[in-house]
Amino acid sequence: MGIMGIGIGVGLLVIGAGYGIGRLAGAAVEAIARQPEAAGNIRGTAIVLAALIEGFTFFALIVAILLGGNAVTIEQKNPAPAAVVDHAK
């Protein structure tokens, strides 16, 4: 279950980061098209914002991996009880 949690968490994380950076880039291109004289300021701001999104993504990825690793370790120390088989039949 811990490994599945890591997979789902990392998948959602990548989708969210890609969506956020895509929207950021689209808005920056649209803003530069409307005001070409402000292209330098818009480009700089977009790069800083993309770096912040990337930083948060890497931080969340590390947290997901650490929590998933802890979940696997805990599961190995305390395995779920095996199914009870009735041999009396």
PDB file of N, CA and C in Angstrom:
ATOM      1  N   MET A   1       0.827  -1.200   0.000  1.00  0.00           N
ATOM      2  CA  MET A   1       0.000   0.000   0.000  1.00  0.00           C
ATOM      3  C   MET A   1       0.868   1.259   0.000  1.00  0.00           C
ATOM      4  N   GLY A   2       1.998   1.183   0.717  1.00  0.00           N
ATOM      5  CA  GLY A   2       2.876   2.346   0.772  1.00  0.00           C
ATOM      6  C   GLY A   2       3.437   2.692  -0.600  1.00  0.00           C
ATOM      7  N   ILE A   3       3.817   1.673  -1.358  1.00  0.00           N
ATOM      8  CA  ILE A   3       4.366   1.899  -2.694  1.00  0.00           C
ATOM      9  C   ILE A   3       3.289   2.470  -3.621  1.00  0.00           C
ATOM     10  N   MET A   4       2.057   1.973  -3.486  1.00  0.00           N
ATOM     11  CA  MET A   4       0.965   2.520  -4.297  1.00  0.00           C
ATOM     12  C   MET A   4       0.722   3.982  -3.947  1.00  0.00           C
ATOM     13  N   GLY A   5       0.807   4.301  -2.667  1.00  0.00           N
ATOM     14  CA  GLY A   5       0.631   5.691  -2.239  1.00  0.00           C
ATOM     15  C   GLY A   5       1.678   6.607  -2.835  1.00  0.00           C
ATOM     16  N   ILE A   6       2.925   6.121  -2.872  1.00  0.00           N
ATOM     17  CA  ILE A   6       3.994   6.915  -3.484  1.00  0.00           C
ATOM     18  C   ILE A   6       3.686   7.147  -4.960  1.00  0.00           C
ATOM     19  N   GLY A   7       3.288   6.103  -5.657  1.00  0.00           N
ATOM     20  CA  GLY A   7       2.993   6.219  -7.085  1.00  0.00           C
ATOM     21  C   GLY A   7       1.868   7.202  -7.365  1.00  0.00           C
ATOM     22  N   ILE A   8       0.803   7.106  -6.607  1.00  0.00           N
ATOM     23  CA  ILE A   8      -0.332   8.019  -6.803  1.00  0.00           C
ATOM     24  C   ILE A   8       0.070   9.438  -6.449  1.00  0.00           C
ATOM     25  N   GLY A   9       0.766   9.600  -5.328  1.00  0.00           N
ATOM     26  CA  GLY A   9       1.173  10.938  -4.899  1.00  0.00           C
ATOM     27  C   GLY A   9       2.113  11.607  -5.884  1.00  0.00           C
ATOM     28  N   VAL A  10       3.097  10.871  -6.348  1.00  0.00           N
ATOM     29  CA  VAL A  10       4.057  11.430  -7.299  1.00  0.00           C
ATOM     30  C   VAL A  10       3.372  11.721  -8.637  1.00  0.00           C
ATOM     31  N   GLY A  11       2.465  10.855  -9.053  1.00  0.00           N
ATOM     32  CA  GLY A  11       1.730  11.105 -10.292  1.00  0.00           C
ATOM     33  C   GLY A  11       0.912  12.382 -10.224  1.00  0.00           C
ATOM     34  N   LEU A  12       0.179  12.564  -9.139  1.00  0.00           N
ATOM     35  CA  LEU A  12      -0.603  13.795  -8.965  1.00  0.00           C
ATOM     36  C   LEU A  12       0.298  15.013  -8.865  1.00  0.00           C
ATOM     37  N   LEU A  13       1.429  14.844  -8.219  1.00  0.00           N
ATOM     38  CA  LEU A  13       2.385  15.933  -8.071  1.00  0.00           C
ATOM     39  C   LEU A  13       2.908  16.396  -9.427  1.00  0.00           C
ATOM     40  N   VAL A  14       3.281  15.465 -10.265  1.00  0.00           N
ATOM     41  CA  VAL A  14       3.811  15.808 -11.588  1.00  0.00           C
ATOM     42  C   VAL A  14       2.727  16.445 -12.455  1.00  0.00           C
ATOM     43  N   ILE A  15       1.529  15.909 -12.382  1.00  0.00           N
ATOM     44  CA  ILE A  15       0.426  16.486 -13.160  1.00  0.00           C
ATOM     45  C   ILE A  15       0.158  17.924 -12.713  1.00  0.00           C
ATOM     46  N   GLY A  16       0.121  18.146 -11.406  1.00  0.00           N
ATOM     47  CA  GLY A  16      -0.134  19.490 -10.891  1.00  0.00           C
ATOM     48  C   GLY A  16       0.955  20.471 -11.259  1.00  0.00           C
ATOM     49  N   ALA A  17       2.209  20.056 -11.149  1.00  0.00           N
ATOM     50  CA  ALA A  17       3.318  20.946 -11.493  1.00  0.00           C
ATOM     51  C   ALA A  17       3.310  21.264 -12.987  1.00  0.00           C
ATOM     52  N   GLY A  18       3.078  20.265 -13.817  1.00  0.00           N
ATOM     53  CA  GLY A  18       3.023  20.497 -15.260  1.00  0.00           C
ATOM     54  C   GLY A  18       1.880  21.436 -15.636  1.00  0.00           C
ATOM     55  N   TYR A  19       0.751  21.244 -15.000  1.00  0.00           N
ATOM     56  CA  TYR A  19      -0.402  22.110 -15.264  1.00  0.00           C
ATOM     57  C   TYR A  19      -0.102  23.547 -14.842  1.00  0.00           C
ATOM     58  N   GLY A  20       0.503  23.712 -13.661  1.00  0.00           N
ATOM     59  CA  GLY A  20       0.808  25.053 -13.170  1.00  0.00           C
ATOM     60  C   GLY A  20       1.811  25.782 -14.034  1.00  0.00           C
ATOM     61  N   ILE A  21       2.880  25.097 -14.429  1.00  0.00           N
ATOM     62  CA  ILE A  21       3.890  25.737 -15.270  1.00  0.00           C
ATOM     63  C   ILE A  21       3.327  26.006 -16.665  1.00  0.00           C
ATOM     64  N   GLY A  22       2.479  25.130 -17.163  1.00  0.00           N
ATOM     65  CA  GLY A  22       1.847  25.361 -18.462  1.00  0.00           C
ATOM     66  C   GLY A  22       0.953  26.589 -18.455  1.00  0.00           C
ATOM     67  N   ARG A  23       0.167  26.724 -17.396  1.00  0.00           N
ATOM     68  CA  ARG A  23      -0.691  27.922 -17.296  1.00  0.00           C
ATOM     69  C   ARG A  23       0.145  29.177 -17.148  1.00  0.00           C
ATOM     70  N   LEU A  24       1.219  29.092 -16.367  1.00  0.00           N
ATOM     71  CA  LEU A  24       2.109  30.232 -16.186  1.00  0.00           C
ATOM     72  C   LEU A  24       2.717  30.664 -17.513  1.00  0.00           C
ATOM     73  N   ALA A  25       3.221  29.704 -18.277  1.00  0.00           N
ATOM     74  CA  ALA A  25       3.837  30.027 -19.563  1.00  0.00           C
ATOM     75  C   ALA A  25       2.810  30.615 -20.536  1.00  0.00           C
ATOM     76  N   GLY A  26       1.621  30.036 -20.557  1.00  0.00           N
ATOM     77  CA  GLY A  26       0.581  30.565 -21.436  1.00  0.00           C
ATOM     78  C   GLY A  26       0.202  31.994 -21.092  1.00  0.00           C
ATOM     79  N   ALA A  27       0.066  32.272 -19.803  1.00  0.00           N
ATOM     80  CA  ALA A  27      -0.284  33.625 -19.375  1.00  0.00           C
ATOM     81  C   ALA A  27       0.851  34.599 -19.680  1.00  0.00           C
ATOM     82  N   ALA A  28       2.106  34.149 -19.512  1.00  0.00           N
ATOM     83  CA  ALA A  28       3.242  35.020 -19.807  1.00  0.00           C
ATOM     84  C   ALA A  28       3.311  35.357 -21.293  1.00  0.00           C
ATOM     85  N   VAL A  29       3.103  34.364 -22.145  1.00  0.00           N
ATOM     86  CA  VAL A  29       3.125  34.615 -23.596  1.00  0.00           C
ATOM     87  C   VAL A  29       1.994  35.560 -23.986  1.00  0.00           C
ATOM     88  N   GLU A  30       0.826  35.364 -23.399  1.00  0.00           N
ATOM     89  CA  GLU A  30      -0.304  36.255 -23.694  1.00  0.00           C
ATOM     90  C   GLU A  30      -0.025  37.679 -23.227  1.00  0.00           C
ATOM     91  N   ALA A  31       0.582  37.814 -22.058  1.00  0.00           N
ATOM     92  CA  ALA A  31       0.907  39.147 -21.538  1.00  0.00           C
ATOM     93  C   ALA A  31       1.960  39.832 -22.402  1.00  0.00           C
ATOM     94  N   ILE A  32       2.943  39.079 -22.870  1.00  0.00           N
ATOM     95  CA  ILE A  32       3.970  39.669 -23.739  1.00  0.00           C
ATOM     96  C   ILE A  32       3.360  40.073 -25.079  1.00  0.00           C
ATOM     97  N   ALA A  33       2.394  39.302 -25.582  1.00  0.00           N
ATOM     98  CA  ALA A  33       1.733  39.652 -26.841  1.00  0.00           C
ATOM     99  C   ALA A  33       0.924  40.937 -26.694  1.00  0.00           C
ATOM    100  N   ARG A  34       0.367  41.157 -25.522  1.00  0.00           N
ATOM    101  CA  ARG A  34      -0.433  42.372 -25.311  1.00  0.00           C
ATOM    102  C   ARG A  34       0.439  43.592 -25.045  1.00  0.00           C
ATOM    103  N   GLN A  35       1.566  43.379 -24.343  1.00  0.00           N
ATOM    104  CA  GLN A  35       2.458  44.490 -24.003  1.00  0.00           C
ATOM    105  C   GLN A  35       3.901  44.106 -24.301  1.00  0.00           C
ATOM    106  N   PRO A  36       4.315  44.195 -25.544  1.00  0.00           N
ATOM    107  CA  PRO A  36       5.673  43.771 -25.906  1.00  0.00           C
ATOM    108  C   PRO A  36       6.766  44.563 -25.201  1.00  0.00           C
ATOM    109  N   GLU A  37       6.493  45.810 -24.836  1.00  0.00           N
ATOM    110  CA  GLU A  37       7.517  46.625 -24.175  1.00  0.00           C
ATOM    111  C   GLU A  37       7.828  46.142 -22.761  1.00  0.00           C
ATOM    112  N   ALA A  38       6.947  45.354 -22.167  1.00  0.00           N
ATOM    113  CA  ALA A  38       7.167  44.824 -20.812  1.00  0.00           C
ATOM    114  C   ALA A  38       7.650  43.374 -20.846  1.00  0.00           C
ATOM    115  N   ALA A  39       8.142  42.927 -21.996  1.00  0.00           N
ATOM    116  CA  ALA A  39       8.529  41.520 -22.150  1.00  0.00           C
ATOM    117  C   ALA A  39       9.620  41.107 -21.171  1.00  0.00           C
ATOM    118  N   GLY A  40      10.594  41.961 -20.935  1.00  0.00           N
ATOM    119  CA  GLY A  40      11.685  41.619 -20.021  1.00  0.00           C
ATOM    120  C   GLY A  40      11.197  41.386 -18.603  1.00  0.00           C
ATOM    121  N   ASN A  41      10.341  42.281 -18.117  1.00  0.00           N
ATOM    122  CA  ASN A  41       9.802  42.134 -16.757  1.00  0.00           C
ATOM    123  C   ASN A  41       8.913  40.904 -16.635  1.00  0.00           C
ATOM    124  N   ILE A  42       8.085  40.678 -17.642  1.00  0.00           N
ATOM    125  CA  ILE A  42       7.179  39.526 -17.612  1.00  0.00           C
ATOM    126  C   ILE A  42       7.977  38.228 -17.663  1.00  0.00           C
ATOM    127  N   ARG A  43       8.980  38.179 -18.542  1.00  0.00           N
ATOM    128  CA  ARG A  43       9.802  36.979 -18.673  1.00  0.00           C
ATOM    129  C   ARG A  43      10.526  36.675 -17.359  1.00  0.00           C
ATOM    130  N   GLY A  44      11.099  37.700 -16.737  1.00  0.00           N
ATOM    131  CA  GLY A  44      11.808  37.507 -15.463  1.00  0.00           C
ATOM    132  C   GLY A  44      10.888  37.001 -14.368  1.00  0.00           C
ATOM    133  N   THR A  45       9.713  37.591 -14.286  1.00  0.00           N
ATOM    134  CA  THR A  45       8.737  37.160 -13.285  1.00  0.00           C
ATOM    135  C   THR A  45       8.293  35.723 -13.540  1.00  0.00           C
ATOM    136  N   ALA A  46       8.080  35.380 -14.799  1.00  0.00           N
ATOM    137  CA  ALA A  46       7.653  34.016 -15.137  1.00  0.00           C
ATOM    138  C   ALA A  46       8.735  33.002 -14.780  1.00  0.00           C
ATOM    139  N   ILE A  47       9.995  33.345 -15.001  1.00  0.00           N
ATOM    140  CA  ILE A  47      11.084  32.427 -14.660  1.00  0.00           C
ATOM    141  C   ILE A  47      11.161  32.214 -13.159  1.00  0.00           C
ATOM    142  N   VAL A  48      11.021  33.291 -12.384  1.00  0.00           N
ATOM    143  CA  VAL A  48      11.046  33.172 -10.921  1.00  0.00           C
ATOM    144  C   VAL A  48       9.875  32.327 -10.434  1.00  0.00           C
ATOM    145  N   LEU A  49       8.694  32.558 -10.975  1.00  0.00           N
ATOM    146  CA  LEU A  49       7.526  31.781 -10.564  1.00  0.00           C
ATOM    147  C   LEU A  49       7.663  30.307 -10.956  1.00  0.00           C
ATOM    148  N   ALA A  50       8.212  30.040 -12.132  1.00  0.00           N
ATOM    149  CA  ALA A  50       8.425  28.647 -12.542  1.00  0.00           C
ATOM    150  C   ALA A  50       9.429  27.966 -11.621  1.00  0.00           C
ATOM    151  N   ALA A  51      10.452  28.697 -11.206  1.00  0.00           N
ATOM    152  CA  ALA A  51      11.436  28.129 -10.275  1.00  0.00           C
ATOM    153  C   ALA A  51      10.795  27.830  -8.923  1.00  0.00           C
ATOM    154  N   LEU A  52       9.897  28.689  -8.461  1.00  0.00           N
ATOM    155  CA  LEU A  52       9.192  28.431  -7.202  1.00  0.00           C
ATOM    156  C   LEU A  52       8.307  27.188  -7.313  1.00  0.00           C
ATOM    157  N   ILE A  53       7.624  27.040  -8.436  1.00  0.00           N
ATOM    158  CA  ILE A  53       6.793  25.851  -8.637  1.00  0.00           C
ATOM    159  C   ILE A  53       7.669  24.602  -8.646  1.00  0.00           C
ATOM    160  N   GLU A  54       8.802  24.662  -9.349  1.00  0.00           N
ATOM    161  CA  GLU A  54       9.718  23.517  -9.402  1.00  0.00           C
ATOM    162  C   GLU A  54      10.257  23.183  -8.008  1.00  0.00           C
ATOM    163  N   GLY A  55      10.618  24.218  -7.246  1.00  0.00           N
ATOM    164  CA  GLY A  55      11.134  23.987  -5.902  1.00  0.00           C
ATOM    165  C   GLY A  55      10.114  23.314  -5.009  1.00  0.00           C
ATOM    166  N   PHE A  56       8.893  23.783  -5.064  1.00  0.00           N
ATOM    167  CA  PHE A  56       7.836  23.158  -4.273  1.00  0.00           C
ATOM    168  C   PHE A  56       7.590  21.726  -4.729  1.00  0.00           C
ATOM    169  N   THR A  57       7.675  21.493  -6.030  1.00  0.00           N
ATOM    170  CA  THR A  57       7.484  20.145  -6.561  1.00  0.00           C
ATOM    171  C   THR A  57       8.556  19.193  -6.043  1.00  0.00           C
ATOM    172  N   PHE A  58       9.816  19.625  -6.075  1.00  0.00           N
ATOM    173  CA  PHE A  58      10.896  18.771  -5.577  1.00  0.00           C
ATOM    174  C   PHE A  58      10.756  18.510  -4.088  1.00  0.00           C
ATOM    175  N   PHE A  59      10.360  19.535  -3.327  1.00  0.00           N
ATOM    176  CA  PHE A  59      10.160  19.362  -1.884  1.00  0.00           C
ATOM    177  C   PHE A  59       9.046  18.348  -1.625  1.00  0.00           C
ATOM    178  N   ALA A  60       7.923  18.489  -2.324  1.00  0.00           N
ATOM    179  CA  ALA A  60       6.807  17.563  -2.137  1.00  0.00           C
ATOM    180  C   ALA A  60       7.180  16.153  -2.587  1.00  0.00           C
ATOM    181  N   LEU A  61       7.994  16.027  -3.627  1.00  0.00           N
ATOM    182  CA  LEU A  61       8.454  14.720  -4.083  1.00  0.00           C
ATOM    183  C   LEU A  61       9.295  14.041  -3.008  1.00  0.00           C
ATOM    184  N   ILE A  62      10.198  14.779  -2.391  1.00  0.00           N
ATOM    185  CA  ILE A  62      11.033  14.218  -1.328  1.00  0.00           C
ATOM    186  C   ILE A  62      10.180  13.802  -0.142  1.00  0.00           C
ATOM    187  N   VAL A  63       9.219  14.630   0.245  1.00  0.00           N
ATOM    188  CA  VAL A  63       8.330  14.288   1.358  1.00  0.00           C
ATOM    189  C   VAL A  63       7.529  13.030   1.035  1.00  0.00           C
ATOM    190  N   ALA A  64       7.017  12.917  -0.186  1.00  0.00           N
ATOM    191  CA  ALA A  64       6.239  11.729  -0.575  1.00  0.00           C
ATOM    192  C   ALA A  64       7.093  10.475  -0.516  1.00  0.00           C
ATOM    193  N   ILE A  65       8.334  10.569  -0.982  1.00  0.00           N
ATOM    194  CA  ILE A  65       9.213   9.399  -0.964  1.00  0.00           C
ATOM    195  C   ILE A  65       9.566   9.015   0.468  1.00  0.00           C
ATOM    196  N   LEU A  66       9.858  10.000   1.306  1.00  0.00           N
ATOM    197  CA  LEU A  66      10.187   9.697   2.700  1.00  0.00           C
ATOM    198  C   LEU A  66       9.004   9.083   3.438  1.00  0.00           C
ATOM    199  N   LEU A  67       7.823   9.651   3.255  1.00  0.00           N
ATOM    200  CA  LEU A  67       6.641   9.095   3.915  1.00  0.00           C
ATOM    201  C   LEU A  67       6.317   7.709   3.381  1.00  0.00           C
ATOM    202  N   GLY A  68       6.474   7.510   2.086  1.00  0.00           N
ATOM    203  CA  GLY A  68       6.231   6.189   1.507  1.00  0.00           C
ATOM    204  C   GLY A  68       7.228   5.172   2.011  1.00  0.00           C
ATOM    205  N   GLY A  69       8.490   5.559   2.146  1.00  0.00           N
ATOM    206  CA  GLY A  69       9.500   4.657   2.683  1.00  0.00           C
ATOM    207  C   GLY A  69       9.217   4.288   4.124  1.00  0.00           C
ATOM    208  N   ASN A  70       8.753   5.259   4.907  1.00  0.00           N
ATOM    209  CA  ASN A  70       8.377   4.976   6.294  1.00  0.00           C
ATOM    210  C   ASN A  70       7.179   4.046   6.349  1.00  0.00           C
ATOM    211  N   ALA A  71       6.237   4.216   5.451  1.00  0.00           N
ATOM    212  CA  ALA A  71       5.061   3.346   5.439  1.00  0.00           C
ATOM    213  C   ALA A  71       5.453   1.912   5.113  1.00  0.00           C
ATOM    214  N   VAL A  72       6.382   1.745   4.189  1.00  0.00           N
ATOM    215  CA  VAL A  72       6.840   0.401   3.830  1.00  0.00           C
ATOM    216  C   VAL A  72       7.574  -0.224   5.000  1.00  0.00           C
ATOM    217  N   THR A  73       8.415   0.553   5.688  1.00  0.00           N
ATOM    218  CA  THR A  73       9.159   0.046   6.842  1.00  0.00           C
ATOM    219  C   THR A  73       8.215  -0.371   7.958  1.00  0.00           C
ATOM    220  N   ILE A  74       7.224   0.440   8.239  1.00  0.00           N
ATOM    221  CA  ILE A  74       6.251   0.114   9.291  1.00  0.00           C
ATOM    222  C   ILE A  74       5.466  -1.132   8.906  1.00  0.00           C
ATOM    223  N   GLU A  75       5.103  -1.249   7.634  1.00  0.00           N
ATOM    224  CA  GLU A  75       4.336  -2.413   7.174  1.00  0.00           C
ATOM    225  C   GLU A  75       5.174  -3.688   7.286  1.00  0.00           C
ATOM    226  N   GLN A  76       6.466  -3.604   7.047  1.00  0.00           N
ATOM    227  CA  GLN A  76       7.327  -4.772   7.154  1.00  0.00           C
ATOM    228  C   GLN A  76       7.500  -5.195   8.606  1.00  0.00           C
ATOM    229  N   LYS A  77       7.521  -4.233   9.528  1.00  0.00           N
ATOM    230  CA  LYS A  77       7.668  -4.557  10.947  1.00  0.00           C
ATOM    231  C   LYS A  77       6.381  -5.140  11.522  1.00  0.00           C
ATOM    232  N   ASN A  78       5.240  -4.679  11.038  1.00  0.00           N
ATOM    233  CA  ASN A  78       3.934  -5.123  11.532  1.00  0.00           C
ATOM    234  C   ASN A  78       3.104  -5.631  10.363  1.00  0.00           C
ATOM    235  N   PRO A  79       3.400  -6.818   9.847  1.00  0.00           N
ATOM    236  CA  PRO A  79       2.636  -7.310   8.689  1.00  0.00           C
ATOM    237  C   PRO A  79       1.182  -7.578   9.066  1.00  0.00           C
ATOM    238  N   ALA A  80       0.347  -7.476   8.071  1.00  0.00           N
ATOM    239  CA  ALA A  80      -1.078  -7.763   8.269  1.00  0.00           C
ATOM    240  C   ALA A  80      -1.239  -9.246   8.578  1.00  0.00           C
ATOM    241  N   PRO A  81      -2.195  -9.585   9.436  1.00  0.00           N
ATOM    242  CA  PRO A  81      -2.385 -11.006   9.758  1.00  0.00           C
ATOM    243  C   PRO A  81      -2.837 -11.789   8.534  1.00  0.00           C
ATOM    244  N   ALA A  82      -2.348 -13.000   8.433  1.00  0.00           N
ATOM    245  CA  ALA A  82      -2.710 -13.866   7.309  1.00  0.00           C
ATOM    246  C   ALA A  82      -4.166 -14.282   7.441  1.00  0.00           C
ATOM    247  N   ALA A  83      -4.759 -14.636   6.342  1.00  0.00           N
ATOM    248  CA  ALA A  83      -6.148 -15.079   6.354  1.00  0.00           C
ATOM    249  C   ALA A  83      -6.249 -16.397   7.139  1.00  0.00           C
ATOM    250  N   VAL A  84      -7.285 -16.528   7.930  1.00  0.00           N
ATOM    251  CA  VAL A  84      -7.487 -17.741   8.718  1.00  0.00           C
ATOM    252  C   VAL A  84      -8.109 -18.791   7.822  1.00  0.00           C
ATOM    253  N   VAL A  85      -7.499 -19.956   7.768  1.00  0.00           N
ATOM    254  CA  VAL A  85      -7.989 -21.059   6.940  1.00  0.00           C
ATOM    255  C   VAL A  85      -8.607 -22.105   7.870  1.00  0.00           C
ATOM    256  N   ASP A  86      -9.822 -22.494   7.572  1.00  0.00           N
ATOM    257  CA  ASP A  86     -10.526 -23.485   8.401  1.00  0.00           C
ATOM    258  C   ASP A  86     -10.224 -24.873   7.831  1.00  0.00           C
ATOM    259  N   HIS A  87      -9.366 -25.628   8.538  1.00  0.00           N
ATOM    260  CA  HIS A  87      -8.991 -26.960   8.086  1.00  0.00           C
ATOM    261  C   HIS A  87      -9.930 -28.041   8.639  1.00  0.00           C
ATOM    262  N   ALA A  88     -10.942 -27.646   9.403  1.00  0.00           N
ATOM    263  CA  ALA A  88     -11.835 -28.606  10.022  1.00  0.00           C
ATOM    264  C   ALA A  88     -12.812 -29.217   9.013  1.00  0.00           C
ATOM    265  N   LYS A  89     -12.981 -28.628   7.891  1.00  0.00           N
ATOM    266  CA  LYS A  89     -13.961 -29.117   6.920  1.00  0.00           C
ATOM    267  C   LYS A  89     -13.513 -30.365   6.338  1.00  0.00           C
TER     268      LYS A  89
END
